[in-house]
Amino acid sequence: MAQADSVRQVNAAFYRAFESLELAQMEKIWHRAPHITCIHPGWRPLSGWGPIMNSWEQIFASAFEVKVEVAEVQFTMDRGLAVIVVEETLTQRDYDGVSRATVLATNVFELVGAQWMLILHHGSPVAMAPDAVPRVQ
């Protein structure tokens, strides 16, 4: 259970870094490795430290304020990897005013030594209400 708590703490730190709009805080969360990947909603996949940190720098530079409400949807871990699926409610204030969006995100963490590090963040915009889930026949 202690490992699961540790992963959840790093996941929470990721969202605090996002809200802080400080690149140095975001850098502490991500593993510095070539196999890391980030897919922001509507973006193509980014791989590697440089492109991913550049993307966060661009996002932070264009926002005055970001608030992220996170609800955990699913959690799993096995053999040094942990996956947390969350629903993010993002409120952002920028040059265009205030916008709000709902995003489903998958965050994957790898145990590096004794520390859990983010290796994948994939956000997908949600376009339908929770009660509008299509039925599978």
Protein backbone atom coordinates (compact mmCIF):
# COMPACT_ATOMS: atom_id res chain seq x y z
CA MET A 1 0.00 0.00 0.00
CA ALA A 2 2.91 2.37 0.68
CA GLN A 3 3.99 2.15 -2.97
CA ALA A 4 0.48 3.02 -4.19
CA ASP A 5 0.44 6.02 -1.84
CA SER A 6 3.83 7.11 -3.20
CA VAL A 7 2.55 6.96 -6.78
CA ARG A 8 -0.55 8.94 -5.87
CA GLN A 9 1.65 11.57 -4.19
CA VAL A 10 3.73 11.98 -7.36
CA ASN A 11 0.55 12.19 -9.42
CA ALA A 12 -0.71 14.97 -7.12
CA ALA A 13 2.69 16.70 -7.43
CA PHE A 14 2.31 16.60 -11.23
CA TYR A 15 -0.96 18.54 -10.97
CA ARG A 16 0.52 21.00 -8.46
CA ALA A 17 3.37 21.60 -10.93
CA PHE A 18 0.81 22.14 -13.70
CA GLU A 19 -1.06 24.70 -11.60
CA SER A 20 2.18 26.43 -10.53
CA LEU A 21 3.06 27.25 -14.16
CA GLU A 22 6.70 26.73 -13.16
CA LEU A 23 8.82 24.60 -15.46
CA ALA A 24 11.27 23.75 -12.66
CA GLN A 25 8.43 22.11 -10.72
CA MET A 26 7.33 20.10 -13.78
CA GLU A 27 10.91 18.95 -14.43
CA LYS A 28 11.02 17.28 -10.99
CA ILE A 29 8.16 14.94 -11.90
CA TRP A 30 9.33 13.60 -15.27
CA HIS A 31 11.93 10.89 -15.76
CA ARG A 32 14.87 12.17 -17.82
CA ALA A 33 14.87 9.38 -20.37
CA PRO A 34 14.40 9.05 -24.14
CA HIS A 35 11.37 6.75 -23.77
CA ILE A 36 9.12 9.33 -22.06
CA THR A 37 6.04 10.49 -24.00
CA CYS A 38 3.52 13.29 -23.62
CA ILE A 39 0.34 13.75 -25.64
CA HIS A 40 -1.46 16.98 -24.81
CA PRO A 41 -5.11 17.15 -25.95
CA GLY A 42 -5.13 17.87 -29.69
CA TRP A 43 -1.33 17.57 -30.05
CA ARG A 44 0.77 14.94 -31.75
CA PRO A 45 2.88 12.72 -29.46
CA LEU A 46 6.06 14.24 -28.07
CA SER A 47 8.94 11.98 -27.06
CA GLY A 48 12.05 12.72 -25.05
CA TRP A 49 12.96 15.25 -22.40
CA GLY A 50 13.60 18.29 -24.63
CA PRO A 51 10.38 18.27 -26.68
CA ILE A 52 8.24 17.51 -23.63
CA MET A 53 9.74 20.26 -21.47
CA ASN A 54 9.49 22.69 -24.39
CA SER A 55 5.78 21.90 -24.66
CA TRP A 56 5.20 22.61 -20.97
CA GLU A 57 7.18 25.84 -21.31
CA GLN A 58 4.89 26.92 -24.17
CA ILE A 59 1.76 26.01 -22.22
CA PHE A 60 2.96 27.86 -19.12
CA ALA A 61 3.98 30.95 -21.11
CA SER A 62 0.50 31.31 -22.60
CA ALA A 63 -1.48 30.97 -19.35
CA PHE A 64 -1.99 33.42 -16.51
CA GLU A 65 -3.62 30.85 -14.24
CA VAL A 66 -4.54 27.16 -14.36
CA LYS A 67 -6.74 25.26 -11.93
CA VAL A 68 -7.03 21.48 -12.27
CA GLU A 69 -9.60 19.42 -10.41
CA VAL A 70 -8.70 15.73 -10.58
CA ALA A 71 -10.87 12.69 -9.97
CA GLU A 72 -9.19 9.29 -10.04
CA VAL A 73 -10.97 6.87 -12.36
CA GLN A 74 -8.65 3.87 -12.23
CA PHE A 75 -5.38 2.83 -10.59
CA THR A 76 -3.17 -0.16 -11.28
CA MET A 77 0.43 -1.04 -10.58
CA ASP A 78 2.68 -4.00 -11.27
CA ARG A 79 6.43 -4.61 -11.37
CA GLY A 80 7.73 -1.08 -11.26
CA LEU A 81 5.01 0.53 -13.38
CA ALA A 82 1.88 2.32 -12.20
CA VAL A 83 -1.01 3.66 -14.26
CA ILE A 84 -3.50 6.24 -13.05
CA VAL A 85 -6.44 7.23 -15.23
CA VAL A 86 -8.02 10.50 -14.13
CA GLU A 87 -10.69 12.92 -15.19
CA GLU A 88 -9.28 16.44 -15.22
CA THR A 89 -11.47 19.52 -15.08
CA LEU A 90 -9.23 22.31 -16.33
CA THR A 91 -9.99 25.98 -15.87
CA GLN A 92 -7.49 28.26 -17.57
CA ARG A 93 -7.18 32.03 -17.73
CA ASP A 94 -5.11 33.35 -20.62
CA TYR A 95 -5.06 36.11 -23.24
CA ASP A 96 -8.39 34.86 -24.64
CA GLY A 97 -10.17 34.93 -21.29
CA VAL A 98 -11.32 31.98 -19.19
CA SER A 99 -11.85 28.54 -20.65
CA ARG A 100 -12.94 25.27 -19.08
CA ALA A 101 -12.43 21.75 -20.41
CA THR A 102 -12.81 18.17 -19.28
CA VAL A 103 -9.97 15.83 -20.15
CA LEU A 104 -9.46 12.13 -19.54
CA ALA A 105 -5.79 11.54 -18.84
CA THR A 106 -3.58 8.53 -18.42
CA ASN A 107 -0.46 9.02 -16.32
CA VAL A 108 2.12 6.24 -16.28
CA PHE A 109 4.86 6.16 -13.67
CA GLU A 110 8.06 4.11 -13.57
CA LEU A 111 9.92 3.21 -10.40
CA VAL A 112 13.42 4.64 -10.90
CA GLY A 113 15.60 3.60 -7.99
CA ALA A 114 13.37 4.44 -5.03
CA GLN A 115 11.42 7.22 -6.76
CA TRP A 116 8.32 7.09 -8.95
CA MET A 117 8.76 9.21 -12.09
CA LEU A 118 6.27 10.17 -14.78
CA ILE A 119 7.03 8.54 -18.15
CA LEU A 120 3.72 9.10 -19.99
CA HIS A 121 0.98 11.71 -19.82
CA HIS A 122 -1.80 11.34 -22.40
CA GLY A 123 -4.74 13.72 -22.30
CA SER A 124 -7.86 13.32 -24.44
CA PRO A 125 -10.65 15.90 -24.50
CA VAL A 126 -14.09 14.70 -23.43
CA ALA A 127 -16.82 15.75 -25.84
CA MET A 128 -19.82 13.95 -24.33
CA ALA A 129 -21.65 14.07 -21.04
CA PRO A 130 -21.02 11.17 -18.59
CA ASP A 131 -24.57 9.87 -19.07
CA ALA A 132 -24.21 9.86 -22.88
CA VAL A 133 -21.95 6.81 -23.05
CA PRO A 134 -22.85 4.79 -26.14
CA ARG A 135 -24.17 1.27 -25.59
CA VAL A 136 -22.22 -1.63 -27.01
CA GLN A 137 -24.45 -4.22 -28.68
